Amino acid sequence: MNIRFTDRKQYYDAFNEFDPNQKTSIMEEIVGKAITNSYHKRIAYLEEKEIVTLNEFAKRNKISHPNLINKANRQTIDAFTEKGIWKIGI
């Protein structure tokens, strides 16, 4: 599992939360998002889908790119990040 560089502060916050409070909610969120991202990416490649950026997907389907990014961040679409770029298999 890879933790995105942009999530490193949240990752460290998770350890800080656990040490004094024995809470795991931040770490659960980080791990869940990382696993889901990996799952969407692997399925797209295994199914030999065409991999396009969300920007390209938005243009092709006349959908708002910011709306797609929001959905991707909430993990309500099968998008994934690859080298810091949101992509989707179609």
N, C-alpha and C. Protein backbone atom coordinates (compact mmCIF):
# COMPACT_ATOMS: atom_id res chain seq x y z
N MET A 1 0.85 -1.17 0.00
CA MET A 1 0.00 0.00 0.00
C MET A 1 0.89 1.23 0.00
N ASN A 2 0.56 2.17 -0.85
CA ASN A 2 1.31 3.43 -0.91
C ASN A 2 0.47 4.54 -0.31
N ILE A 3 1.10 5.33 0.55
CA ILE A 3 0.47 6.53 1.07
C ILE A 3 0.94 7.68 0.18
N ARG A 4 -0.01 8.41 -0.40
CA ARG A 4 0.36 9.51 -1.27
C ARG A 4 1.16 10.55 -0.49
N PHE A 5 2.13 11.13 -1.17
CA PHE A 5 2.97 12.16 -0.56
C PHE A 5 2.11 13.30 -0.02
N THR A 6 1.05 13.63 -0.75
CA THR A 6 0.18 14.73 -0.32
C THR A 6 -0.59 14.39 0.95
N ASP A 7 -0.65 13.11 1.30
CA ASP A 7 -1.36 12.68 2.51
C ASP A 7 -0.43 12.49 3.70
N ARG A 8 0.84 12.83 3.56
CA ARG A 8 1.80 12.55 4.62
C ARG A 8 1.48 13.24 5.94
N LYS A 9 0.99 14.49 5.89
CA LYS A 9 0.65 15.18 7.13
C LYS A 9 -0.45 14.43 7.86
N GLN A 10 -1.47 14.02 7.12
CA GLN A 10 -2.57 13.27 7.73
C GLN A 10 -2.05 11.93 8.28
N TYR A 11 -1.12 11.32 7.58
CA TYR A 11 -0.52 10.06 8.01
C TYR A 11 0.18 10.24 9.36
N TYR A 12 0.96 11.30 9.49
CA TYR A 12 1.64 11.57 10.76
C TYR A 12 0.65 11.95 11.85
N ASP A 13 -0.41 12.68 11.46
CA ASP A 13 -1.45 13.02 12.43
C ASP A 13 -2.11 11.75 12.99
N ALA A 14 -2.20 10.74 12.15
CA ALA A 14 -2.81 9.48 12.60
C ALA A 14 -1.99 8.86 13.73
N PHE A 15 -0.69 8.89 13.59
CA PHE A 15 0.16 8.35 14.66
C PHE A 15 0.06 9.20 15.92
N ASN A 16 0.03 10.53 15.74
CA ASN A 16 -0.11 11.41 16.89
C ASN A 16 -1.44 11.22 17.60
N GLU A 17 -2.49 10.93 16.84
CA GLU A 17 -3.79 10.68 17.44
C GLU A 17 -3.78 9.37 18.23
N PHE A 18 -3.11 8.38 17.69
CA PHE A 18 -3.13 7.07 18.34
C PHE A 18 -2.32 7.05 19.63
N ASP A 19 -1.15 7.67 19.62
CA ASP A 19 -0.26 7.60 20.79
C ASP A 19 -0.97 7.97 22.09
N PRO A 20 -1.55 9.17 22.20
CA PRO A 20 -2.16 9.51 23.49
C PRO A 20 -3.57 8.97 23.68
N ASN A 21 -4.32 8.79 22.60
CA ASN A 21 -5.74 8.48 22.70
C ASN A 21 -6.13 7.06 22.33
N GLN A 22 -5.20 6.32 21.74
CA GLN A 22 -5.49 4.97 21.26
C GLN A 22 -6.61 4.96 20.21
N LYS A 23 -6.73 6.05 19.45
CA LYS A 23 -7.75 6.15 18.39
C LYS A 23 -7.12 5.83 17.05
N THR A 24 -7.91 5.26 16.16
CA THR A 24 -7.40 4.86 14.85
C THR A 24 -8.19 5.45 13.67
N SER A 25 -9.09 6.38 13.92
CA SER A 25 -9.98 6.86 12.87
C SER A 25 -9.24 7.49 11.69
N ILE A 26 -8.21 8.29 11.94
CA ILE A 26 -7.47 8.91 10.83
C ILE A 26 -6.75 7.84 10.02
N MET A 27 -6.10 6.90 10.69
CA MET A 27 -5.37 5.85 9.98
C MET A 27 -6.34 4.97 9.19
N GLU A 28 -7.50 4.69 9.74
CA GLU A 28 -8.49 3.90 9.02
C GLU A 28 -8.89 4.59 7.72
N GLU A 29 -9.07 5.89 7.76
CA GLU A 29 -9.44 6.65 6.56
C GLU A 29 -8.31 6.60 5.53
N ILE A 30 -7.08 6.81 5.96
CA ILE A 30 -5.93 6.79 5.04
C ILE A 30 -5.79 5.42 4.38
N VAL A 31 -5.83 4.38 5.18
CA VAL A 31 -5.66 3.02 4.66
C VAL A 31 -6.83 2.66 3.74
N GLY A 32 -8.03 3.00 4.13
CA GLY A 32 -9.19 2.72 3.29
C GLY A 32 -9.10 3.38 1.93
N LYS A 33 -8.71 4.65 1.90
CA LYS A 33 -8.58 5.37 0.64
C LYS A 33 -7.46 4.77 -0.22
N ALA A 34 -6.35 4.41 0.41
CA ALA A 34 -5.23 3.84 -0.33
C ALA A 34 -5.61 2.49 -0.94
N ILE A 35 -6.32 1.67 -0.20
CA ILE A 35 -6.74 0.36 -0.71
C ILE A 35 -7.75 0.54 -1.84
N THR A 36 -8.70 1.44 -1.68
CA THR A 36 -9.70 1.67 -2.72
C THR A 36 -9.05 2.20 -4.00
N ASN A 37 -8.11 3.12 -3.85
CA ASN A 37 -7.39 3.67 -5.00
C ASN A 37 -6.66 2.55 -5.74
N SER A 38 -5.96 1.72 -5.00
CA SER A 38 -5.22 0.60 -5.59
C SER A 38 -6.17 -0.37 -6.29
N TYR A 39 -7.30 -0.64 -5.67
CA TYR A 39 -8.29 -1.56 -6.24
C TYR A 39 -8.80 -1.04 -7.58
N HIS A 40 -9.21 0.23 -7.64
CA HIS A 40 -9.73 0.79 -8.89
C HIS A 40 -8.67 0.76 -10.00
N LYS A 41 -7.46 1.06 -9.63
CA LYS A 41 -6.36 1.06 -10.61
C LYS A 41 -6.11 -0.34 -11.14
N ARG A 42 -6.00 -1.30 -10.26
CA ARG A 42 -5.71 -2.68 -10.68
C ARG A 42 -6.83 -3.26 -11.53
N ILE A 43 -8.07 -3.02 -11.15
CA ILE A 43 -9.21 -3.53 -11.92
C ILE A 43 -9.21 -2.92 -13.33
N ALA A 44 -8.97 -1.62 -13.43
CA ALA A 44 -8.96 -0.95 -14.74
C ALA A 44 -7.90 -1.57 -15.65
N TYR A 45 -6.71 -1.82 -15.11
CA TYR A 45 -5.65 -2.40 -15.93
C TYR A 45 -5.91 -3.88 -16.23
N LEU A 46 -6.38 -4.63 -15.25
CA LEU A 46 -6.65 -6.06 -15.46
C LEU A 46 -7.77 -6.27 -16.49
N GLU A 47 -8.75 -5.40 -16.49
CA GLU A 47 -9.85 -5.50 -17.45
C GLU A 47 -9.49 -4.86 -18.79
N GLU A 48 -8.25 -4.40 -18.89
CA GLU A 48 -7.71 -3.79 -20.11
C GLU A 48 -8.58 -2.64 -20.62
N LYS A 49 -9.04 -1.84 -19.67
CA LYS A 49 -9.82 -0.67 -20.04
C LYS A 49 -8.90 0.40 -20.60
N GLU A 50 -9.48 1.32 -21.35
CA GLU A 50 -8.73 2.48 -21.80
C GLU A 50 -8.56 3.38 -20.59
N ILE A 51 -7.34 3.74 -20.27
CA ILE A 51 -7.05 4.59 -19.11
C ILE A 51 -6.91 6.02 -19.61
N VAL A 52 -7.75 6.91 -19.08
CA VAL A 52 -7.69 8.32 -19.46
C VAL A 52 -7.69 9.17 -18.19
N THR A 53 -7.20 10.38 -18.34
CA THR A 53 -7.24 11.30 -17.20
C THR A 53 -8.69 11.72 -16.97
N LEU A 54 -8.98 12.15 -15.76
CA LEU A 54 -10.33 12.64 -15.48
C LEU A 54 -10.63 13.87 -16.33
N ASN A 55 -9.61 14.66 -16.62
CA ASN A 55 -9.80 15.83 -17.47
C ASN A 55 -10.28 15.40 -18.86
N GLU A 56 -9.63 14.39 -19.42
CA GLU A 56 -10.04 13.88 -20.74
C GLU A 56 -11.43 13.26 -20.67
N PHE A 57 -11.70 12.51 -19.62
CA PHE A 57 -13.01 11.90 -19.42
C PHE A 57 -14.10 12.98 -19.35
N ALA A 58 -13.80 14.06 -18.64
CA ALA A 58 -14.75 15.17 -18.52
C ALA A 58 -15.05 15.78 -19.88
N LYS A 59 -14.00 15.99 -20.67
CA LYS A 59 -14.19 16.58 -22.01
C LYS A 59 -15.02 15.67 -22.90
N ARG A 60 -14.69 14.38 -22.89
CA ARG A 60 -15.41 13.43 -23.75
C ARG A 60 -16.89 13.33 -23.40
N ASN A 61 -17.18 13.45 -22.12
CA ASN A 61 -18.55 13.25 -21.65
C ASN A 61 -19.27 14.54 -21.29
N LYS A 62 -18.60 15.67 -21.56
CA LYS A 62 -19.18 16.99 -21.27
C LYS A 62 -19.66 17.08 -19.82
N ILE A 63 -18.73 16.71 -18.92
CA ILE A 63 -18.99 16.74 -17.49
C ILE A 63 -18.00 17.72 -16.86
N SER A 64 -18.39 18.34 -15.79
CA SER A 64 -17.51 19.27 -15.07
C SER A 64 -16.31 18.52 -14.48
N HIS A 65 -15.11 18.96 -14.86
CA HIS A 65 -13.89 18.35 -14.33
C HIS A 65 -13.80 18.52 -12.80
N PRO A 66 -14.05 19.71 -12.25
CA PRO A 66 -14.01 19.84 -10.79
C PRO A 66 -15.01 18.91 -10.07
N ASN A 67 -16.16 18.71 -10.69
CA ASN A 67 -17.14 17.80 -10.12
C ASN A 67 -16.59 16.37 -10.09
N LEU A 68 -15.91 15.96 -11.15
CA LEU A 68 -15.31 14.62 -11.18
C LEU A 68 -14.21 14.48 -10.14
N ILE A 69 -13.40 15.52 -10.00
CA ILE A 69 -12.33 15.48 -8.99
C ILE A 69 -12.95 15.34 -7.60
N ASN A 70 -14.01 16.06 -7.34
CA ASN A 70 -14.71 15.96 -6.06
C ASN A 70 -15.21 14.54 -5.84
N LYS A 71 -15.83 13.95 -6.87
CA LYS A 71 -16.32 12.58 -6.75
C LYS A 71 -15.17 11.59 -6.55
N ALA A 72 -14.06 11.83 -7.24
CA ALA A 72 -12.90 10.96 -7.09
C ALA A 72 -12.35 11.03 -5.66
N ASN A 73 -12.26 12.23 -5.12
CA ASN A 73 -11.77 12.39 -3.74
C ASN A 73 -12.70 11.73 -2.73
N ARG A 74 -14.00 11.74 -3.02
CA ARG A 74 -14.97 11.08 -2.13
C ARG A 74 -15.08 9.60 -2.42
N GLN A 75 -14.42 9.17 -3.48
CA GLN A 75 -14.42 7.78 -3.94
C GLN A 75 -15.81 7.28 -4.31
N THR A 76 -16.55 8.14 -5.00
CA THR A 76 -17.88 7.73 -5.47
C THR A 76 -17.86 7.38 -6.96
N ILE A 77 -16.67 7.47 -7.59
CA ILE A 77 -16.47 6.96 -8.94
C ILE A 77 -15.22 6.09 -8.91
N ASP A 78 -15.05 5.27 -9.94
CA ASP A 78 -13.93 4.31 -9.96
C ASP A 78 -12.62 4.93 -10.45
N ALA A 79 -12.34 6.12 -10.00
CA ALA A 79 -11.12 6.82 -10.40
C ALA A 79 -9.99 6.45 -9.45
N PHE A 80 -8.77 6.69 -9.92
CA PHE A 80 -7.58 6.41 -9.12
C PHE A 80 -6.49 7.42 -9.48
N THR A 81 -5.54 7.57 -8.58
CA THR A 81 -4.41 8.45 -8.88
C THR A 81 -3.24 7.61 -9.34
N GLU A 82 -2.53 8.17 -10.28
CA GLU A 82 -1.32 7.54 -10.79
C GLU A 82 -0.32 8.65 -11.03
N LYS A 83 0.77 8.62 -10.27
CA LYS A 83 1.78 9.67 -10.34
C LYS A 83 1.16 11.06 -10.13
N GLY A 84 0.21 11.12 -9.20
CA GLY A 84 -0.40 12.39 -8.82
C GLY A 84 -1.49 12.90 -9.75
N ILE A 85 -1.87 12.09 -10.75
CA ILE A 85 -2.88 12.50 -11.72
C ILE A 85 -4.09 11.57 -11.59
N TRP A 86 -5.27 12.19 -11.47
CA TRP A 86 -6.49 11.38 -11.41
C TRP A 86 -6.79 10.78 -12.77
N LYS A 87 -7.07 9.47 -12.78
CA LYS A 87 -7.40 8.75 -14.01
C LYS A 87 -8.59 7.85 -13.77
N ILE A 88 -9.13 7.33 -14.88
CA ILE A 88 -10.26 6.41 -14.80
C ILE A 88 -10.18 5.45 -15.97
N GLY A 89 -10.64 4.23 -15.75
CA GLY A 89 -10.71 3.26 -16.84
C GLY A 89 -12.09 3.28 -17.46
N ILE A 90 -12.11 3.33 -18.81
CA ILE A 90 -13.41 3.34 -19.51
C ILE A 90 -13.47 2.22 -20.53
